[in-house]
């Protein structure tokens, strides 16, 4: 299945909720920076996302 992206809500949990309203996802993938490169609102807790939305969550660090 193809993936696409769009801009939207600045709060990660609201953005995920909005995205899930548009298609039936089978998992959520979070991409965040690690260490000092971590940016505003990238402190999202994968277990909180999984509990809230009832989907498996993978988290990957973006290297720059």
N, C-alpha and C. Protein backbone atom coordinates (compact mmCIF):
# COMPACT_ATOMS: atom_id res chain seq x y z
N UNK A 1 0.84 -1.17 0.00
CA UNK A 1 0.00 0.00 0.00
C UNK A 1 0.89 1.24 0.00
N UNK A 2 0.52 2.22 -0.75
CA UNK A 2 1.29 3.46 -0.85
C UNK A 2 1.05 4.33 0.38
N UNK A 3 2.02 5.15 0.69
CA UNK A 3 1.91 6.09 1.81
C UNK A 3 2.04 7.50 1.28
N UNK A 4 1.44 8.43 1.99
CA UNK A 4 1.57 9.84 1.61
C UNK A 4 1.58 10.68 2.87
N UNK A 5 1.93 11.93 2.75
CA UNK A 5 1.99 12.82 3.90
C UNK A 5 1.30 14.13 3.61
N UNK A 6 1.00 14.86 4.68
CA UNK A 6 0.34 16.14 4.55
C UNK A 6 0.64 16.92 5.82
N UNK A 7 0.48 18.23 5.77
CA UNK A 7 0.65 19.02 6.97
C UNK A 7 -0.69 19.16 7.66
N UNK A 8 -0.65 19.36 8.97
CA UNK A 8 -1.91 19.46 9.70
C UNK A 8 -1.69 19.95 11.10
N UNK A 9 -2.39 19.36 12.02
CA UNK A 9 -2.37 19.73 13.43
C UNK A 9 -0.95 19.69 13.99
N UNK A 10 -0.59 20.68 14.82
CA UNK A 10 0.76 20.72 15.38
C UNK A 10 0.93 19.77 16.56
N UNK A 11 -0.15 19.43 17.26
CA UNK A 11 -0.08 18.47 18.35
C UNK A 11 -0.05 17.06 17.76
N UNK A 12 0.99 16.28 18.06
CA UNK A 12 1.13 14.96 17.44
C UNK A 12 -0.08 14.04 17.65
N UNK A 13 -0.66 14.02 18.83
CA UNK A 13 -1.80 13.14 19.08
C UNK A 13 -3.02 13.55 18.27
N UNK A 14 -3.24 14.85 18.15
CA UNK A 14 -4.34 15.33 17.31
C UNK A 14 -4.08 15.06 15.84
N UNK A 15 -2.83 15.21 15.42
CA UNK A 15 -2.48 14.93 14.02
C UNK A 15 -2.72 13.46 13.69
N UNK A 16 -2.35 12.57 14.60
CA UNK A 16 -2.58 11.14 14.39
C UNK A 16 -4.08 10.86 14.32
N UNK A 17 -4.83 11.44 15.24
CA UNK A 17 -6.29 11.24 15.24
C UNK A 17 -6.89 11.71 13.91
N UNK A 18 -6.48 12.88 13.44
CA UNK A 18 -6.98 13.40 12.17
C UNK A 18 -6.64 12.47 11.01
N UNK A 19 -5.41 11.97 11.01
CA UNK A 19 -4.97 11.08 9.92
C UNK A 19 -5.75 9.77 9.94
N UNK A 20 -5.99 9.23 11.12
CA UNK A 20 -6.70 7.95 11.22
C UNK A 20 -8.16 8.07 10.79
N UNK A 21 -8.69 9.28 10.78
CA UNK A 21 -10.06 9.49 10.32
C UNK A 21 -10.15 9.39 8.79
N UNK A 22 -9.00 9.41 8.11
CA UNK A 22 -9.02 9.42 6.64
C UNK A 22 -8.76 8.06 6.01
N UNK A 23 -8.27 7.08 6.79
CA UNK A 23 -8.00 5.75 6.24
C UNK A 23 -7.84 4.74 7.36
N UNK A 24 -8.05 3.45 7.06
CA UNK A 24 -7.95 2.40 8.09
C UNK A 24 -6.51 1.90 8.26
N UNK A 25 -5.74 2.57 9.07
CA UNK A 25 -4.34 2.19 9.29
C UNK A 25 -4.25 0.89 10.07
N UNK A 26 -3.16 0.13 9.82
CA UNK A 26 -2.93 -1.08 10.61
C UNK A 26 -1.76 -0.91 11.57
N UNK A 27 -1.08 0.24 11.49
CA UNK A 27 -0.02 0.58 12.44
C UNK A 27 0.31 2.05 12.31
N UNK A 28 1.01 2.57 13.32
CA UNK A 28 1.45 3.96 13.33
C UNK A 28 2.96 3.96 13.41
N UNK A 29 3.60 4.79 12.59
CA UNK A 29 5.06 4.92 12.61
C UNK A 29 5.40 6.36 13.00
N UNK A 30 6.19 6.52 14.04
CA UNK A 30 6.62 7.83 14.52
C UNK A 30 8.08 8.04 14.13
N UNK A 31 8.38 9.12 13.47
CA UNK A 31 9.76 9.48 13.13
C UNK A 31 10.14 10.69 13.96
N UNK A 32 11.20 10.57 14.76
CA UNK A 32 11.65 11.67 15.61
C UNK A 32 13.17 11.77 15.52
N UNK A 33 13.67 12.96 15.84
CA UNK A 33 15.12 13.15 15.92
C UNK A 33 15.60 12.65 17.27
N UNK A 34 16.84 12.27 17.35
CA UNK A 34 17.38 11.79 18.62
C UNK A 34 18.36 12.80 19.20
N UNK A 35 18.60 12.68 20.49
CA UNK A 35 19.58 13.50 21.18
C UNK A 35 19.34 14.98 21.04
N UNK A 36 20.42 15.75 20.81
CA UNK A 36 20.28 17.21 20.75
C UNK A 36 19.52 17.71 19.52
N UNK A 37 19.30 16.84 18.57
CA UNK A 37 18.54 17.21 17.37
C UNK A 37 17.04 17.13 17.60
N UNK A 38 16.63 16.57 18.75
CA UNK A 38 15.20 16.42 19.06
C UNK A 38 14.55 17.80 19.07
N UNK A 39 13.41 17.89 18.44
CA UNK A 39 12.73 19.17 18.28
C UNK A 39 11.46 19.25 19.12
N UNK A 40 10.88 20.41 19.12
CA UNK A 40 9.63 20.69 19.83
C UNK A 40 8.57 19.66 19.47
N UNK A 41 7.94 19.09 20.48
CA UNK A 41 6.86 18.11 20.36
C UNK A 41 7.31 16.75 19.83
N UNK A 42 8.60 16.47 19.85
CA UNK A 42 9.07 15.15 19.45
C UNK A 42 9.27 14.23 20.66
N UNK A 43 8.78 14.64 21.81
CA UNK A 43 8.91 13.82 23.01
C UNK A 43 7.70 12.91 23.19
N UNK A 44 7.04 12.58 22.11
CA UNK A 44 5.83 11.76 22.13
C UNK A 44 6.16 10.34 22.62
N UNK A 45 5.30 9.81 23.45
CA UNK A 45 5.48 8.49 24.05
C UNK A 45 4.75 7.45 23.20
N UNK A 46 5.49 6.54 22.58
CA UNK A 46 4.91 5.54 21.70
C UNK A 46 3.88 4.67 22.43
N UNK A 47 4.11 4.35 23.69
CA UNK A 47 3.15 3.52 24.42
C UNK A 47 1.84 4.26 24.66
N UNK A 48 1.91 5.56 24.86
CA UNK A 48 0.69 6.37 25.01
C UNK A 48 -0.11 6.38 23.70
N UNK A 49 0.59 6.49 22.58
CA UNK A 49 -0.06 6.49 21.27
C UNK A 49 -0.74 5.14 21.04
N UNK A 50 -0.02 4.07 21.34
CA UNK A 50 -0.56 2.73 21.16
C UNK A 50 -1.81 2.50 22.02
N UNK A 51 -1.75 2.94 23.27
CA UNK A 51 -2.88 2.78 24.16
C UNK A 51 -4.08 3.61 23.70
N UNK A 52 -3.83 4.82 23.27
CA UNK A 52 -4.93 5.71 22.88
C UNK A 52 -5.63 5.26 21.60
N UNK A 53 -4.85 4.77 20.62
CA UNK A 53 -5.43 4.46 19.32
C UNK A 53 -5.60 2.96 19.06
N UNK A 54 -5.07 2.12 19.93
CA UNK A 54 -5.27 0.69 19.80
C UNK A 54 -4.59 0.08 18.58
N UNK A 55 -3.50 0.68 18.15
CA UNK A 55 -2.74 0.17 17.00
C UNK A 55 -1.28 0.00 17.41
N UNK A 56 -0.57 -0.95 16.79
CA UNK A 56 0.86 -1.07 17.07
C UNK A 56 1.59 0.18 16.62
N UNK A 57 2.61 0.57 17.38
CA UNK A 57 3.37 1.78 17.09
C UNK A 57 4.85 1.44 16.96
N UNK A 58 5.46 1.87 15.87
CA UNK A 58 6.90 1.77 15.68
C UNK A 58 7.47 3.17 15.76
N UNK A 59 8.65 3.31 16.37
CA UNK A 59 9.29 4.61 16.47
C UNK A 59 10.69 4.50 15.91
N UNK A 60 11.04 5.42 15.02
CA UNK A 60 12.35 5.41 14.38
C UNK A 60 13.01 6.76 14.52
N UNK A 61 14.31 6.76 14.77
CA UNK A 61 15.08 8.00 14.88
C UNK A 61 15.55 8.43 13.50
N UNK A 62 15.41 9.73 13.24
CA UNK A 62 15.87 10.32 11.99
C UNK A 62 17.29 10.81 12.20
N UNK A 63 18.19 10.38 11.35
CA UNK A 63 19.59 10.83 11.41
C UNK A 63 19.80 11.99 10.45
N UNK A 64 20.53 13.03 10.90
CA UNK A 64 20.83 14.15 10.02
C UNK A 64 22.31 14.27 9.82
